[in-house]
Amino acid sequence: MCSNRNIPHLRMERAVTTTYEECRKNHAASIGKYAVDGCGEFMPAGEEGSGAALRCAACSCHRKYHKKVVRQVPNSGFVFSNLLTGNRSE
């Protein structure tokens, strides 16, 4: 069995996508109950990099209250990184 761990110029590049789904903020926590607002997906309220981008346009909650989902993009094969330039960084 061949292993590519010892070959520094062959490595698998794994891309990931991050999305934020339903809002989980408990709006009834102050009275000891549990109630969410039903927001199903985070939509930024402003431009990328601005403070408003961390607020949801639908429910006005901060992004941290929305369920974070990280998915790996399927590999399309080996990426021969830095093979032609001679740089061998791990």
PDB file of N, CA and C in Angstrom:
ATOM      1  N   MET A   1       0.848  -1.182   0.000  1.00  0.00           N
ATOM      2  CA  MET A   1       0.000   0.000   0.000  1.00  0.00           C
ATOM      3  C   MET A   1       0.890   1.241   0.000  1.00  0.00           C
ATOM      4  N   CYS A   2       0.590   2.158  -0.856  1.00  0.00           N
ATOM      5  CA  CYS A   2       1.392   3.367  -1.009  1.00  0.00           C
ATOM      6  C   CYS A   2       0.817   4.491  -0.152  1.00  0.00           C
ATOM      7  N   SER A   3       1.681   5.171   0.563  1.00  0.00           N
ATOM      8  CA  SER A   3       1.252   6.294   1.389  1.00  0.00           C
ATOM      9  C   SER A   3       1.926   7.559   0.885  1.00  0.00           C
ATOM     10  N   ASN A   4       1.157   8.635   0.809  1.00  0.00           N
ATOM     11  CA  ASN A   4       1.699   9.909   0.331  1.00  0.00           C
ATOM     12  C   ASN A   4       2.111  10.827   1.465  1.00  0.00           C
ATOM     13  N   ARG A   5       2.073  10.339   2.708  1.00  0.00           N
ATOM     14  CA  ARG A   5       2.425  11.195   3.843  1.00  0.00           C
ATOM     15  C   ARG A   5       3.884  11.618   3.829  1.00  0.00           C
ATOM     16  N   ASN A   6       4.750  10.785   3.303  1.00  0.00           N
ATOM     17  CA  ASN A   6       6.179  11.081   3.326  1.00  0.00           C
ATOM     18  C   ASN A   6       6.651  11.833   2.085  1.00  0.00           C
ATOM     19  N   ILE A   7       5.763  12.144   1.178  1.00  0.00           N
ATOM     20  CA  ILE A   7       6.117  12.884  -0.026  1.00  0.00           C
ATOM     21  C   ILE A   7       5.577  14.298   0.133  1.00  0.00           C
ATOM     22  N   PRO A   8       6.434  15.277   0.445  1.00  0.00           N
ATOM     23  CA  PRO A   8       5.951  16.621   0.765  1.00  0.00           C
ATOM     24  C   PRO A   8       5.274  17.341  -0.393  1.00  0.00           C
ATOM     25  N   HIS A   9       5.588  17.004  -1.640  1.00  0.00           N
ATOM     26  CA  HIS A   9       4.990  17.732  -2.753  1.00  0.00           C
ATOM     27  C   HIS A   9       3.664  17.132  -3.212  1.00  0.00           C
ATOM     28  N   LEU A  10       3.233  16.030  -2.621  1.00  0.00           N
ATOM     29  CA  LEU A  10       1.919  15.460  -2.903  1.00  0.00           C
ATOM     30  C   LEU A  10       1.067  15.585  -1.658  1.00  0.00           C
ATOM     31  N   ARG A  11      -0.005  16.304  -1.747  1.00  0.00           N
ATOM     32  CA  ARG A  11      -0.898  16.399  -0.604  1.00  0.00           C
ATOM     33  C   ARG A  11      -2.320  16.621  -1.095  1.00  0.00           C
ATOM     34  N   MET A  12      -3.236  16.171  -0.305  1.00  0.00           N
ATOM     35  CA  MET A  12      -4.641  16.324  -0.646  1.00  0.00           C
ATOM     36  C   MET A  12      -5.107  17.691  -0.162  1.00  0.00           C
ATOM     37  N   GLU A  13      -5.700  18.445  -1.033  1.00  0.00           N
ATOM     38  CA  GLU A  13      -6.294  19.724  -0.667  1.00  0.00           C
ATOM     39  C   GLU A  13      -7.760  19.461  -0.349  1.00  0.00           C
ATOM     40  N   ARG A  14      -8.195  19.850   0.828  1.00  0.00           N
ATOM     41  CA  ARG A  14      -9.584  19.647   1.216  1.00  0.00           C
ATOM     42  C   ARG A  14     -10.251  21.011   1.384  1.00  0.00           C
ATOM     43  N   ALA A  15     -11.220  21.252   0.563  1.00  0.00           N
ATOM     44  CA  ALA A  15     -11.965  22.505   0.644  1.00  0.00           C
ATOM     45  C   ALA A  15     -13.200  22.290   1.513  1.00  0.00           C
ATOM     46  N   VAL A  16     -13.551  23.306   2.262  1.00  0.00           N
ATOM     47  CA  VAL A  16     -14.743  23.231   3.100  1.00  0.00           C
ATOM     48  C   VAL A  16     -15.639  24.427   2.812  1.00  0.00           C
ATOM     49  N   THR A  17     -16.931  24.219   3.018  1.00  0.00           N
ATOM     50  CA  THR A  17     -17.885  25.316   2.931  1.00  0.00           C
ATOM     51  C   THR A  17     -18.558  25.446   4.287  1.00  0.00           C
ATOM     52  N   THR A  18     -18.789  26.664   4.711  1.00  0.00           N
ATOM     53  CA  THR A  18     -19.443  26.929   5.988  1.00  0.00           C
ATOM     54  C   THR A  18     -20.738  27.673   5.723  1.00  0.00           C
ATOM     55  N   THR A  19     -21.819  27.138   6.264  1.00  0.00           N
ATOM     56  CA  THR A  19     -23.108  27.809   6.168  1.00  0.00           C
ATOM     57  C   THR A  19     -23.698  27.926   7.565  1.00  0.00           C
ATOM     58  N   TYR A  20     -24.612  28.847   7.723  1.00  0.00           N
ATOM     59  CA  TYR A  20     -25.304  29.039   8.995  1.00  0.00           C
ATOM     60  C   TYR A  20     -26.786  28.827   8.738  1.00  0.00           C
ATOM     61  N   GLU A  21     -27.355  27.870   9.450  1.00  0.00           N
ATOM     62  CA  GLU A  21     -28.742  27.493   9.202  1.00  0.00           C
ATOM     63  C   GLU A  21     -29.668  28.077  10.256  1.00  0.00           C
ATOM     64  N   GLU A  22     -30.604  27.299  10.769  1.00  0.00           N
ATOM     65  CA  GLU A  22     -31.674  27.824  11.614  1.00  0.00           C
ATOM     66  C   GLU A  22     -31.157  28.531  12.868  1.00  0.00           C
ATOM     67  N   CYS A  23     -31.919  29.529  13.280  1.00  0.00           N
ATOM     68  CA  CYS A  23     -31.590  30.308  14.469  1.00  0.00           C
ATOM     69  C   CYS A  23     -31.969  29.506  15.708  1.00  0.00           C
ATOM     70  N   ARG A  24     -31.071  29.472  16.674  1.00  0.00           N
ATOM     71  CA  ARG A  24     -31.304  28.719  17.902  1.00  0.00           C
ATOM     72  C   ARG A  24     -31.417  29.610  19.133  1.00  0.00           C
ATOM     73  N   LYS A  25     -31.581  30.896  18.933  1.00  0.00           N
ATOM     74  CA  LYS A  25     -31.674  31.797  20.078  1.00  0.00           C
ATOM     75  C   LYS A  25     -32.964  31.517  20.844  1.00  0.00           C
ATOM     76  N   ASN A  26     -32.824  31.315  22.151  1.00  0.00           N
ATOM     77  CA  ASN A  26     -33.968  31.053  23.017  1.00  0.00           C
ATOM     78  C   ASN A  26     -34.530  32.391  23.484  1.00  0.00           C
ATOM     79  N   HIS A  27     -35.646  32.787  22.920  1.00  0.00           N
ATOM     80  CA  HIS A  27     -36.256  34.074  23.248  1.00  0.00           C
ATOM     81  C   HIS A  27     -37.030  34.041  24.565  1.00  0.00           C
ATOM     82  N   ALA A  28     -37.241  32.857  25.122  1.00  0.00           N
ATOM     83  CA  ALA A  28     -38.006  32.739  26.370  1.00  0.00           C
ATOM     84  C   ALA A  28     -37.133  32.293  27.539  1.00  0.00           C
ATOM     85  N   ALA A  29     -35.826  32.426  27.411  1.00  0.00           N
ATOM     86  CA  ALA A  29     -34.920  31.978  28.469  1.00  0.00           C
ATOM     87  C   ALA A  29     -35.132  32.736  29.772  1.00  0.00           C
ATOM     88  N   SER A  30     -35.503  33.989  29.690  1.00  0.00           N
ATOM     89  CA  SER A  30     -35.667  34.800  30.906  1.00  0.00           C
ATOM     90  C   SER A  30     -36.828  34.318  31.780  1.00  0.00           C
ATOM     91  N   ILE A  31     -37.770  33.582  31.202  1.00  0.00           N
ATOM     92  CA  ILE A  31     -38.890  33.059  32.000  1.00  0.00           C
ATOM     93  C   ILE A  31     -38.792  31.544  32.189  1.00  0.00           C
ATOM     94  N   GLY A  32     -37.622  30.978  31.844  1.00  0.00           N
ATOM     95  CA  GLY A  32     -37.388  29.557  32.059  1.00  0.00           C
ATOM     96  C   GLY A  32     -38.029  28.640  31.033  1.00  0.00           C
ATOM     97  N   LYS A  33     -38.391  29.150  29.905  1.00  0.00           N
ATOM     98  CA  LYS A  33     -39.019  28.357  28.839  1.00  0.00           C
ATOM     99  C   LYS A  33     -38.096  28.313  27.625  1.00  0.00           C
ATOM    100  N   TYR A  34     -38.551  27.634  26.579  1.00  0.00           N
ATOM    101  CA  TYR A  34     -37.768  27.537  25.350  1.00  0.00           C
ATOM    102  C   TYR A  34     -38.648  27.907  24.161  1.00  0.00           C
ATOM    103  N   ALA A  35     -38.262  28.929  23.431  1.00  0.00           N
ATOM    104  CA  ALA A  35     -38.998  29.352  22.238  1.00  0.00           C
ATOM    105  C   ALA A  35     -38.028  29.976  21.244  1.00  0.00           C
ATOM    106  N   VAL A  36     -38.051  29.481  20.009  1.00  0.00           N
ATOM    107  CA  VAL A  36     -37.222  30.049  18.946  1.00  0.00           C
ATOM    108  C   VAL A  36     -38.126  30.795  17.975  1.00  0.00           C
ATOM    109  N   ASP A  37     -37.524  31.659  17.163  1.00  0.00           N
ATOM    110  CA  ASP A  37     -38.327  32.514  16.280  1.00  0.00           C
ATOM    111  C   ASP A  37     -38.675  31.882  14.934  1.00  0.00           C
ATOM    112  N   GLY A  38     -38.088  30.750  14.601  1.00  0.00           N
ATOM    113  CA  GLY A  38     -38.418  30.072  13.351  1.00  0.00           C
ATOM    114  C   GLY A  38     -37.584  30.485  12.160  1.00  0.00           C
ATOM    115  N   CYS A  39     -36.591  31.326  12.358  1.00  0.00           N
ATOM    116  CA  CYS A  39     -35.709  31.732  11.261  1.00  0.00           C
ATOM    117  C   CYS A  39     -34.953  30.494  10.778  1.00  0.00           C
ATOM    118  N   GLY A  40     -35.053  30.179   9.501  1.00  0.00           N
ATOM    119  CA  GLY A  40     -34.487  28.948   8.977  1.00  0.00           C
ATOM    120  C   GLY A  40     -33.099  29.050   8.387  1.00  0.00           C
ATOM    121  N   GLU A  41     -32.626  30.259   8.117  1.00  0.00           N
ATOM    122  CA  GLU A  41     -31.317  30.415   7.491  1.00  0.00           C
ATOM    123  C   GLU A  41     -30.767  31.808   7.763  1.00  0.00           C
ATOM    124  N   PHE A  42     -29.468  31.885   8.055  1.00  0.00           N
ATOM    125  CA  PHE A  42     -28.815  33.165   8.296  1.00  0.00           C
ATOM    126  C   PHE A  42     -28.638  33.908   6.981  1.00  0.00           C
ATOM    127  N   MET A  43     -29.071  35.161   6.955  1.00  0.00           N
ATOM    128  CA  MET A  43     -28.871  36.044   5.807  1.00  0.00           C
ATOM    129  C   MET A  43     -28.208  37.317   6.324  1.00  0.00           C
ATOM    130  N   PRO A  44     -26.970  37.608   5.918  1.00  0.00           N
ATOM    131  CA  PRO A  44     -26.278  38.798   6.415  1.00  0.00           C
ATOM    132  C   PRO A  44     -27.056  40.075   6.116  1.00  0.00           C
ATOM    133  N   ALA A  45     -27.080  40.972   7.085  1.00  0.00           N
ATOM    134  CA  ALA A  45     -27.803  42.232   6.927  1.00  0.00           C
ATOM    135  C   ALA A  45     -26.948  43.320   6.291  1.00  0.00           C
ATOM    136  N   GLY A  46     -25.662  43.039   6.043  1.00  0.00           N
ATOM    137  CA  GLY A  46     -24.780  44.048   5.464  1.00  0.00           C
ATOM    138  C   GLY A  46     -23.711  43.432   4.591  1.00  0.00           C
ATOM    139  N   GLU A  47     -22.826  44.283   4.115  1.00  0.00           N
ATOM    140  CA  GLU A  47     -21.727  43.861   3.252  1.00  0.00           C
ATOM    141  C   GLU A  47     -20.702  43.045   4.032  1.00  0.00           C
ATOM    142  N   GLU A  48     -20.039  42.120   3.349  1.00  0.00           N
ATOM    143  CA  GLU A  48     -18.986  41.299   3.948  1.00  0.00           C
ATOM    144  C   GLU A  48     -17.913  42.198   4.562  1.00  0.00           C
ATOM    145  N   GLY A  49     -17.527  41.919   5.781  1.00  0.00           N
ATOM    146  CA  GLY A  49     -16.516  42.706   6.474  1.00  0.00           C
ATOM    147  C   GLY A  49     -17.074  43.801   7.360  1.00  0.00           C
ATOM    148  N   SER A  50     -18.333  44.131   7.199  1.00  0.00           N
ATOM    149  CA  SER A  50     -18.936  45.162   8.047  1.00  0.00           C
ATOM    150  C   SER A  50     -19.545  44.517   9.287  1.00  0.00           C
ATOM    151  N   GLY A  51     -19.822  45.316  10.282  1.00  0.00           N
ATOM    152  CA  GLY A  51     -20.447  44.809  11.498  1.00  0.00           C
ATOM    153  C   GLY A  51     -21.845  44.281  11.250  1.00  0.00           C
ATOM    154  N   ALA A  52     -22.536  44.872  10.289  1.00  0.00           N
ATOM    155  CA  ALA A  52     -23.897  44.437   9.966  1.00  0.00           C
ATOM    156  C   ALA A  52     -23.925  43.046   9.344  1.00  0.00           C
ATOM    157  N   ALA A  53     -22.805  42.586   8.805  1.00  0.00           N
ATOM    158  CA  ALA A  53     -22.746  41.260   8.191  1.00  0.00           C
ATOM    159  C   ALA A  53     -22.888  40.146   9.222  1.00  0.00           C
ATOM    160  N   LEU A  54     -22.720  40.477  10.500  1.00  0.00           N
ATOM    161  CA  LEU A  54     -22.866  39.477  11.556  1.00  0.00           C
ATOM    162  C   LEU A  54     -24.284  39.412  12.108  1.00  0.00           C
ATOM    163  N   ARG A  55     -25.161  40.272  11.628  1.00  0.00           N
ATOM    164  CA  ARG A  55     -26.575  40.275  12.038  1.00  0.00           C
ATOM    165  C   ARG A  55     -27.410  39.652  10.933  1.00  0.00           C
ATOM    166  N   CYS A  56     -28.416  38.886  11.317  1.00  0.00           N
ATOM    167  CA  CYS A  56     -29.307  38.245  10.356  1.00  0.00           C
ATOM    168  C   CYS A  56     -30.375  39.242   9.904  1.00  0.00           C
ATOM    169  N   ALA A  57     -30.557  39.353   8.603  1.00  0.00           N
ATOM    170  CA  ALA A  57     -31.560  40.265   8.061  1.00  0.00           C
ATOM    171  C   ALA A  57     -32.977  39.783   8.365  1.00  0.00           C
ATOM    172  N   ALA A  58     -33.159  38.483   8.556  1.00  0.00           N
ATOM    173  CA  ALA A  58     -34.494  37.934   8.792  1.00  0.00           C
ATOM    174  C   ALA A  58     -34.939  38.064  10.244  1.00  0.00           C
ATOM    175  N   CYS A  59     -34.044  37.757  11.191  1.00  0.00           N
ATOM    176  CA  CYS A  59     -34.465  37.724  12.598  1.00  0.00           C
ATOM    177  C   CYS A  59     -33.723  38.722  13.490  1.00  0.00           C
ATOM    178  N   SER A  60     -32.741  39.415  12.970  1.00  0.00           N
ATOM    179  CA  SER A  60     -31.932  40.411  13.686  1.00  0.00           C
ATOM    180  C   SER A  60     -31.032  39.827  14.767  1.00  0.00           C
ATOM    181  N   CYS A  61     -30.880  38.512  14.807  1.00  0.00           N
ATOM    182  CA  CYS A  61     -29.988  37.875  15.783  1.00  0.00           C
ATOM    183  C   CYS A  61     -28.559  37.869  15.251  1.00  0.00           C
ATOM    184  N   HIS A  62     -27.597  37.761  16.159  1.00  0.00           N
ATOM    185  CA  HIS A  62     -26.199  37.633  15.781  1.00  0.00           C
ATOM    186  C   HIS A  62     -25.985  36.268  15.132  1.00  0.00           C
ATOM    187  N   ARG A  63     -25.002  36.169  14.262  1.00  0.00           N
ATOM    188  CA  ARG A  63     -24.706  34.925  13.548  1.00  0.00           C
ATOM    189  C   ARG A  63     -24.403  33.767  14.489  1.00  0.00           C
ATOM    190  N   LYS A  64     -23.869  34.055  15.684  1.00  0.00           N
ATOM    191  CA  LYS A  64     -23.497  32.984  16.615  1.00  0.00           C
ATOM    192  C   LYS A  64     -24.702  32.167  17.085  1.00  0.00           C
ATOM    193  N   TYR A  65     -25.907  32.706  16.971  1.00  0.00           N
ATOM    194  CA  TYR A  65     -27.104  31.968  17.376  1.00  0.00           C
ATOM    195  C   TYR A  65     -27.582  30.993  16.302  1.00  0.00           C
ATOM    196  N   HIS A  66     -27.049  31.102  15.115  1.00  0.00           N
ATOM    197  CA  HIS A  66     -27.451  30.218  14.020  1.00  0.00           C
ATOM    198  C   HIS A  66     -26.562  28.981  13.990  1.00  0.00           C
ATOM    199  N   LYS A  67     -27.157  27.848  13.660  1.00  0.00           N
ATOM    200  CA  LYS A  67     -26.445  26.570  13.612  1.00  0.00           C
ATOM    201  C   LYS A  67     -25.384  26.617  12.515  1.00  0.00           C
ATOM    202  N   LYS A  68     -24.127  26.398  12.908  1.00  0.00           N
ATOM    203  CA  LYS A  68     -23.008  26.415  11.963  1.00  0.00           C
ATOM    204  C   LYS A  68     -22.833  25.015  11.387  1.00  0.00           C
ATOM    205  N   VAL A  69     -22.799  24.921  10.060  1.00  0.00           N
ATOM    206  CA  VAL A  69     -22.629  23.643   9.380  1.00  0.00           C
ATOM    207  C   VAL A  69     -21.401  23.748   8.484  1.00  0.00           C
ATOM    208  N   VAL A  70     -20.411  22.881   8.735  1.00  0.00           N
ATOM    209  CA  VAL A  70     -19.187  22.849   7.939  1.00  0.00           C
ATOM    210  C   VAL A  70     -19.202  21.555   7.137  1.00  0.00           C
ATOM    211  N   ARG A  71     -19.111  21.686   5.830  1.00  0.00           N
ATOM    212  CA  ARG A  71     -19.126  20.519   4.948  1.00  0.00           C
ATOM    213  C   ARG A  71     -17.845  20.486   4.133  1.00  0.00           C
ATOM    214  N   GLN A  72     -17.303  19.267   3.966  1.00  0.00           N
ATOM    215  CA  GLN A  72     -16.140  19.106   3.104  1.00  0.00           C
ATOM    216  C   GLN A  72     -16.609  18.940   1.669  1.00  0.00           C
ATOM    217  N   VAL A  73     -15.939  19.636   0.771  1.00  0.00           N
ATOM    218  CA  VAL A  73     -16.216  19.492  -0.650  1.00  0.00           C
ATOM    219  C   VAL A  73     -15.504  18.223  -1.104  1.00  0.00           C
ATOM    220  N   PRO A  74     -16.183  17.362  -1.857  1.00  0.00           N
ATOM    221  CA  PRO A  74     -15.541  16.118  -2.305  1.00  0.00           C
ATOM    222  C   PRO A  74     -14.244  16.400  -3.058  1.00  0.00           C
ATOM    223  N   ASN A  75     -13.241  15.573  -2.791  1.00  0.00           N
ATOM    224  CA  ASN A  75     -11.942  15.735  -3.452  1.00  0.00           C
ATOM    225  C   ASN A  75     -12.052  15.350  -4.915  1.00  0.00           C
ATOM    226  N   SER A  76     -11.409  16.115  -5.753  1.00  0.00           N
ATOM    227  CA  SER A  76     -11.382  15.796  -7.176  1.00  0.00           C
ATOM    228  C   SER A  76     -10.068  15.126  -7.544  1.00  0.00           C
ATOM    229  N   GLY A  77      -9.277  14.741  -6.559  1.00  0.00           N
ATOM    230  CA  GLY A  77      -8.001  14.090  -6.807  1.00  0.00           C
ATOM    231  C   GLY A  77      -6.874  14.835  -6.121  1.00  0.00           C
ATOM    232  N   PHE A  78      -5.667  14.487  -6.496  1.00  0.00           N
ATOM    233  CA  PHE A  78      -4.500  15.116  -5.906  1.00  0.00           C
ATOM    234  C   PHE A  78      -4.283  16.505  -6.481  1.00  0.00           C
ATOM    235  N   VAL A  79      -3.813  17.390  -5.651  1.00  0.00           N
ATOM    236  CA  VAL A  79      -3.370  18.701  -6.101  1.00  0.00           C
ATOM    237  C   VAL A  79      -1.865  18.710  -5.907  1.00  0.00           C
ATOM    238  N   PHE A  80      -1.137  18.877  -6.979  1.00  0.00           N
ATOM    239  CA  PHE A  80       0.312  18.862  -6.903  1.00  0.00           C
ATOM    240  C   PHE A  80       0.786  20.263  -6.576  1.00  0.00           C
ATOM    241  N   SER A  81       0.771  20.587  -5.297  1.00  0.00           N
ATOM    242  CA  SER A  81       1.100  21.941  -4.879  1.00  0.00           C
ATOM    243  C   SER A  81       2.603  22.158  -4.871  1.00  0.00           C
ATOM    244  N   ASN A  82       3.003  23.250  -5.432  1.00  0.00           N
ATOM    245  CA  ASN A  82       4.399  23.692  -5.454  1.00  0.00           C
ATOM    246  C   ASN A  82       5.334  22.710  -6.156  1.00  0.00           C
ATOM    247  N   LEU A  83       4.817  21.803  -6.937  1.00  0.00           N
ATOM    248  CA  LEU A  83       5.654  20.815  -7.602  1.00  0.00           C
ATOM    249  C   LEU A  83       6.539  21.469  -8.660  1.00  0.00           C
ATOM    250  N   LEU A  84       5.975  22.401  -9.410  1.00  0.00           N
ATOM    251  CA  LEU A  84       6.738  23.024 -10.483  1.00  0.00           C
ATOM    252  C   LEU A  84       7.671  24.114  -9.987  1.00  0.00           C
ATOM    253  N   THR A  85       7.347  24.736  -8.863  1.00  0.00           N
ATOM    254  CA  THR A  85       8.185  25.825  -8.368  1.00  0.00           C
ATOM    255  C   THR A  85       9.342  25.328  -7.517  1.00  0.00           C
ATOM    256  N   GLY A  86       9.267  24.095  -7.071  1.00  0.00           N
ATOM    257  CA  GLY A  86      10.335  23.554  -6.239  1.00  0.00           C
ATOM    258  C   GLY A  86      10.150  23.818  -4.763  1.00  0.00           C
ATOM    259  N   ASN A  87       9.123  24.590  -4.378  1.00  0.00           N
ATOM    260  CA  ASN A  87       8.846  24.843  -2.960  1.00  0.00           C
ATOM    261  C   ASN A  87       8.184  23.618  -2.360  1.00  0.00           C
ATOM    262  N   ARG A  88       8.716  23.150  -1.264  1.00  0.00           N
ATOM    263  CA  ARG A  88       8.161  21.960  -0.632  1.00  0.00           C
ATOM    264  C   ARG A  88       7.793  22.277   0.804  1.00  0.00           C
ATOM    265  N   SER A  89       6.674  22.905   0.974  1.00  0.00           N
ATOM    266  CA  SER A  89       6.211  23.232   2.326  1.00  0.00           C
ATOM    267  C   SER A  89       5.122  22.254   2.718  1.00  0.00           C
ATOM    268  N   GLU A  90       5.096  21.899   3.995  1.00  0.00           N
ATOM    269  CA  GLU A  90       4.079  20.964   4.487  1.00  0.00           C
ATOM    270  C   GLU A  90       3.083  21.685   5.325  1.00  0.00           C
TER     271      GLU A  90
END
